[in-house]
């Protein structure tokens, strides 16, 4: 199968962000907690100046990639696990189990996500793990519906019937026979959920509902707004993390769109 060149740019950008997140100390000139004079303009010593605490903004930008990506990808993984499991069970089991699981999915689908996330984050306390849990538990419903639809299409296939005749258990059939078929459908959903979680984290951080000790891109924008970065015209404080969020989300979502477009091209052929 020929590699699609359209994947190169978004994958390269995601790789750069992941490398910065895994090895921030290699690229950051200062430690995240290291301080100097406050509100400095960009200079040779501080490429993006310093914030209200005297911390190097460029170093915070690099360290902020870690928690932003951890929250995004972890929420996506949690949503994928829940959505795939519920979709497999609902698609394989007919009758009451299917109706109950899809009824629950419909309830989650109509919930107002952002207000509910804000309420839960405020009630449970500012913690990155709370954000991961809340964002993951509220983002699986579309995955479940897509997986269920795919399972319904293939559960009457000849190879599935053959596996049942051979005495394979339902769990074994779902894991070994059905899951590999629905996997290409899961991947773009995972990508979109991850991007949505990154945006949600930035929104919650801007509202002050994230851990103040956690360095993230959303937290940097929130600090710039709270501590007069906007009023002082310190664009180098809030604009770089905003651009990182935008580029990261665009790179991640473009993978899903390229994948979907490639599937359509194959089907047309």
Protein backbone atom coordinates (compact mmCIF):
# COMPACT_ATOMS: atom_id res chain seq x y z
CA UNK A 1 0.00 0.00 0.00
CA UNK A 2 1.43 3.35 -1.07
CA UNK A 3 2.05 5.95 1.63
CA UNK A 4 -0.06 9.08 1.21
CA UNK A 5 2.20 12.13 1.08
CA UNK A 6 -0.53 14.28 2.57
CA UNK A 7 0.26 12.70 5.94
CA UNK A 8 3.83 14.02 5.99
CA UNK A 9 3.24 17.60 7.19
CA UNK A 10 0.74 16.86 10.01
CA UNK A 11 2.75 13.85 11.19
CA UNK A 12 5.93 15.93 11.19
CA UNK A 13 4.29 18.66 13.23
CA UNK A 14 2.84 16.16 15.70
CA UNK A 15 6.25 14.49 16.01
CA UNK A 16 7.86 17.84 16.85
CA UNK A 17 5.25 18.52 19.55
CA UNK A 18 5.64 15.02 21.00
CA UNK A 19 9.43 15.29 21.11
CA UNK A 20 9.16 18.65 22.88
CA UNK A 21 6.68 17.15 25.34
CA UNK A 22 8.82 14.08 26.10
CA UNK A 23 12.17 15.90 26.28
CA UNK A 24 11.39 19.48 27.34
CA UNK A 25 14.66 19.90 29.20
CA UNK A 26 16.62 19.40 26.00
CA UNK A 27 15.01 22.36 24.23
CA UNK A 28 13.99 24.70 27.07
CA UNK A 29 16.79 27.12 28.06
CA UNK A 30 15.46 27.36 31.62
CA UNK A 31 13.60 25.18 34.10
CA UNK A 32 9.87 25.77 34.34
CA UNK A 33 10.18 27.07 37.93
CA UNK A 34 13.31 29.18 37.34
CA UNK A 35 12.75 32.92 37.83
CA UNK A 36 14.26 36.23 36.73
CA UNK A 37 13.00 39.79 36.52
CA UNK A 38 9.27 40.04 35.80
CA UNK A 39 7.57 41.31 32.62
CA UNK A 40 10.70 41.38 30.50
CA UNK A 41 10.40 41.94 26.76
CA UNK A 42 11.86 39.39 24.31
CA UNK A 43 15.66 39.43 24.29
CA UNK A 44 18.64 37.22 23.63
CA UNK A 45 18.40 35.80 27.17
CA UNK A 46 14.63 35.30 27.06
CA UNK A 47 13.39 34.72 23.51
CA UNK A 48 9.76 35.39 24.44
CA UNK A 49 10.36 37.49 27.53
CA UNK A 50 9.25 36.64 31.06
CA UNK A 51 5.84 36.49 32.73
CA UNK A 52 4.51 38.02 35.96
CA UNK A 53 6.56 35.54 38.02
CA UNK A 54 9.75 36.12 36.07
CA UNK A 55 9.57 32.72 34.36
CA UNK A 56 10.91 32.33 30.85
CA UNK A 57 7.90 32.19 28.52
CA UNK A 58 9.69 30.20 25.83
CA UNK A 59 10.59 27.51 28.38
CA UNK A 60 7.01 27.46 29.66
CA UNK A 61 5.83 27.05 26.08
CA UNK A 62 7.93 23.91 25.69
CA UNK A 63 7.02 22.48 29.09
CA UNK A 64 3.36 23.28 28.43
CA UNK A 65 3.28 20.84 25.52
CA UNK A 66 3.55 17.92 27.96
CA UNK A 67 0.31 18.36 29.90
CA UNK A 68 -1.66 19.67 26.94
CA UNK A 69 -0.83 16.56 24.91
CA UNK A 70 -1.18 14.21 27.88
CA UNK A 71 -4.69 15.48 28.59
CA UNK A 72 -5.64 15.37 24.90
CA UNK A 73 -4.34 11.88 24.10
CA UNK A 74 -5.33 10.34 27.46
CA UNK A 75 -8.89 11.64 27.11
CA UNK A 76 -8.97 10.27 23.57
CA UNK A 77 -7.74 6.84 24.70
CA UNK A 78 -10.32 6.69 27.52
CA UNK A 79 -13.12 7.70 25.15
CA UNK A 80 -12.00 5.16 22.55
CA UNK A 81 -11.93 2.31 25.08
CA UNK A 82 -15.39 3.12 26.41
CA UNK A 83 -16.95 3.86 23.03
CA UNK A 84 -15.49 0.77 21.37
CA UNK A 85 -16.54 -1.56 24.20
CA UNK A 86 -20.09 -0.19 24.32
CA UNK A 87 -20.38 -0.17 20.52
CA UNK A 88 -19.19 -3.77 20.24
CA UNK A 89 -21.59 -4.99 22.91
CA UNK A 90 -24.54 -3.02 21.56
CA UNK A 91 -23.91 -4.17 17.99
CA UNK A 92 -23.35 -7.81 18.92
CA UNK A 93 -26.09 -8.19 21.52
CA UNK A 94 -29.61 -7.63 20.28
CA UNK A 95 -32.69 -6.76 22.27
CA UNK A 96 -32.56 -5.29 25.76
CA UNK A 97 -28.74 -4.90 26.03
CA UNK A 98 -28.64 -3.00 22.74
CA UNK A 99 -31.58 -0.77 23.70
CA UNK A 100 -30.12 -0.02 27.14
CA UNK A 101 -26.64 0.80 25.85
CA UNK A 102 -27.92 2.94 22.97
CA UNK A 103 -30.38 4.67 25.30
CA UNK A 104 -27.46 5.58 27.59
CA UNK A 105 -25.49 6.72 24.55
CA UNK A 106 -28.34 8.97 23.43
CA UNK A 107 -28.52 10.55 26.88
CA UNK A 108 -24.80 11.32 26.87
CA UNK A 109 -25.11 12.58 23.28
CA UNK A 110 -27.63 15.29 24.16
CA UNK A 111 -25.85 16.47 27.31
CA UNK A 112 -24.40 20.01 27.06
CA UNK A 113 -20.73 19.06 27.17
CA UNK A 114 -18.91 22.29 28.01
CA UNK A 115 -21.26 23.45 30.83
CA UNK A 116 -21.22 19.95 32.33
CA UNK A 117 -17.42 19.77 32.12
CA UNK A 118 -17.16 23.17 33.80
CA UNK A 119 -19.49 22.09 36.63
CA UNK A 120 -17.70 18.77 37.20
CA UNK A 121 -14.23 20.33 37.01
CA UNK A 122 -15.25 23.01 39.50
CA UNK A 123 -16.85 20.47 41.85
CA UNK A 124 -14.14 17.79 41.68
CA UNK A 125 -11.27 20.25 41.93
CA UNK A 126 -8.53 21.46 39.58
CA UNK A 127 -6.53 18.40 38.61
CA UNK A 128 -5.23 17.18 35.22
CA UNK A 129 -6.43 13.66 36.03
CA UNK A 130 -9.92 14.97 36.76
CA UNK A 131 -9.88 16.72 33.38
CA UNK A 132 -8.83 13.51 31.65
CA UNK A 133 -11.54 11.53 33.42
CA UNK A 134 -14.30 14.07 32.76
CA UNK A 135 -13.37 14.76 29.13
CA UNK A 136 -12.95 11.05 28.38
CA UNK A 137 -16.23 10.03 30.00
CA UNK A 138 -18.16 12.64 28.02
CA UNK A 139 -16.66 12.01 24.58
CA UNK A 140 -17.35 8.35 23.77
CA UNK A 141 -20.93 8.46 22.49
CA UNK A 142 -20.20 9.15 18.81
CA UNK A 143 -17.57 6.41 18.81
CA UNK A 144 -20.05 3.92 20.26
CA UNK A 145 -22.66 4.69 17.61
CA UNK A 146 -20.19 4.35 14.74
CA UNK A 147 -18.77 1.07 16.09
CA UNK A 148 -22.25 -0.34 16.69
CA UNK A 149 -23.29 0.51 13.13
CA UNK A 150 -20.20 -1.25 11.74
CA UNK A 151 -20.72 -4.33 13.93
CA UNK A 152 -24.33 -4.65 12.78
CA UNK A 153 -23.13 -4.63 9.17
CA UNK A 154 -20.62 -7.45 9.63
CA UNK A 155 -22.10 -9.66 12.38
CA UNK A 156 -23.95 -11.77 9.78
CA UNK A 157 -20.89 -12.19 7.55
CA UNK A 158 -19.82 -15.68 6.57
CA UNK A 159 -16.56 -15.62 8.50
CA UNK A 160 -18.39 -14.50 11.66
CA UNK A 161 -20.90 -17.33 11.25
CA UNK A 162 -18.02 -19.75 10.67
CA UNK A 163 -16.35 -18.60 13.89
CA UNK A 164 -19.55 -19.17 15.83
CA UNK A 165 -19.96 -22.62 14.33
CA UNK A 166 -16.43 -23.47 15.44
CA UNK A 167 -17.45 -22.71 19.01
CA UNK A 168 -15.60 -19.43 19.52
CA UNK A 169 -16.87 -17.40 22.46
CA UNK A 170 -18.55 -14.04 21.89
CA UNK A 171 -15.63 -12.21 23.50
CA UNK A 172 -13.12 -13.99 21.29
CA UNK A 173 -15.11 -13.23 18.15
CA UNK A 174 -15.45 -9.56 19.05
CA UNK A 175 -11.76 -9.14 19.89
CA UNK A 176 -10.16 -11.29 17.19
CA UNK A 177 -12.63 -11.07 14.31
CA UNK A 178 -14.67 -7.88 14.64
CA UNK A 179 -12.29 -5.41 16.32
CA UNK A 180 -9.71 -5.46 13.48
CA UNK A 181 -12.50 -4.66 11.02
CA UNK A 182 -13.81 -1.67 12.98
CA UNK A 183 -10.33 -0.37 13.84
CA UNK A 184 -10.06 1.86 10.72
CA UNK A 185 -13.31 3.50 11.81
CA UNK A 186 -12.02 4.06 15.34
CA UNK A 187 -8.78 5.83 14.38
CA UNK A 188 -10.27 9.05 12.92
CA UNK A 189 -12.70 9.25 15.85
CA UNK A 190 -9.80 8.99 18.28
CA UNK A 191 -8.01 11.80 16.46
CA UNK A 192 -11.04 14.09 16.61
CA UNK A 193 -11.71 13.37 20.30
CA UNK A 194 -8.07 14.12 21.11
CA UNK A 195 -8.24 17.47 19.31
CA UNK A 196 -11.51 18.34 21.06
CA UNK A 197 -9.97 17.47 24.45
CA UNK A 198 -7.04 19.82 23.78
CA UNK A 199 -9.45 22.66 23.00
CA UNK A 200 -11.54 21.85 26.09
CA UNK A 201 -8.45 21.84 28.30
CA UNK A 202 -7.46 25.27 26.99
CA UNK A 203 -11.00 26.56 27.60
CA UNK A 204 -11.12 25.23 31.16
CA UNK A 205 -7.65 26.57 31.91
CA UNK A 206 -8.68 29.99 30.63
CA UNK A 207 -11.65 29.89 33.01
CA UNK A 208 -9.32 29.03 35.90
CA UNK A 209 -10.59 25.46 36.31
CA UNK A 210 -7.25 23.70 35.79
CA UNK A 211 -4.46 23.01 38.25
CA UNK A 212 -2.52 26.28 38.75
CA UNK A 213 0.66 24.25 39.33
CA UNK A 214 0.31 22.57 35.94
CA UNK A 215 2.05 24.22 33.01
CA UNK A 216 -0.10 24.03 29.89
CA UNK A 217 -0.75 26.20 26.86
CA UNK A 218 -4.25 27.02 28.06
CA UNK A 219 -2.86 27.94 31.47
CA UNK A 220 -0.35 30.32 29.86
CA UNK A 221 -3.15 32.14 28.03
CA UNK A 222 -5.14 32.30 31.27
CA UNK A 223 -2.17 33.76 33.17
CA UNK A 224 -1.60 36.36 30.45
CA UNK A 225 -5.22 37.44 30.75
CA UNK A 226 -5.28 37.37 34.56
CA UNK A 227 -1.97 39.14 35.16
CA UNK A 228 -2.29 42.01 32.67
CA UNK A 229 -0.48 40.40 29.78
CA UNK A 230 -3.17 41.60 27.38
CA UNK A 231 -3.28 45.11 28.86
CA UNK A 232 0.49 45.43 28.68
CA UNK A 233 0.48 44.42 25.02
CA UNK A 234 2.59 41.33 25.76
CA UNK A 235 1.52 39.40 22.67
CA UNK A 236 4.57 37.19 23.04
CA UNK A 237 3.02 35.81 26.26
CA UNK A 238 -0.37 34.63 24.95
CA UNK A 239 0.02 34.39 21.16
CA UNK A 240 2.66 31.58 20.99
CA UNK A 241 0.63 29.10 23.16
CA UNK A 242 -2.52 30.02 21.21
CA UNK A 243 -0.72 29.27 17.94
CA UNK A 244 0.60 25.99 19.34
CA UNK A 245 -2.94 24.93 20.26
CA UNK A 246 -4.23 25.91 16.82
CA UNK A 247 -1.41 24.16 14.95
CA UNK A 248 -1.64 21.07 17.14
CA UNK A 249 -5.40 20.76 16.67
CA UNK A 250 -5.13 21.39 12.91
CA UNK A 251 -2.38 18.78 12.56
CA UNK A 252 -4.36 16.18 14.51
CA UNK A 253 -7.71 16.81 12.81
CA UNK A 254 -6.12 16.88 9.36
CA UNK A 255 -5.08 13.25 9.90
CA UNK A 256 -8.74 12.29 10.27
CA UNK A 257 -9.80 14.26 7.20
CA UNK A 258 -6.96 12.86 5.09
CA UNK A 259 -7.84 9.33 6.22
CA UNK A 260 -11.52 9.82 5.40
CA UNK A 261 -10.70 11.35 2.03
CA UNK A 262 -8.37 8.48 1.24
CA UNK A 263 -11.06 5.93 2.07
CA UNK A 264 -13.51 7.73 -0.22
CA UNK A 265 -10.97 7.71 -3.05
CA UNK A 266 -10.42 3.97 -2.62
CA UNK A 267 -14.17 3.33 -2.61
CA UNK A 268 -14.63 5.38 -5.80
CA UNK A 269 -11.92 3.35 -7.50
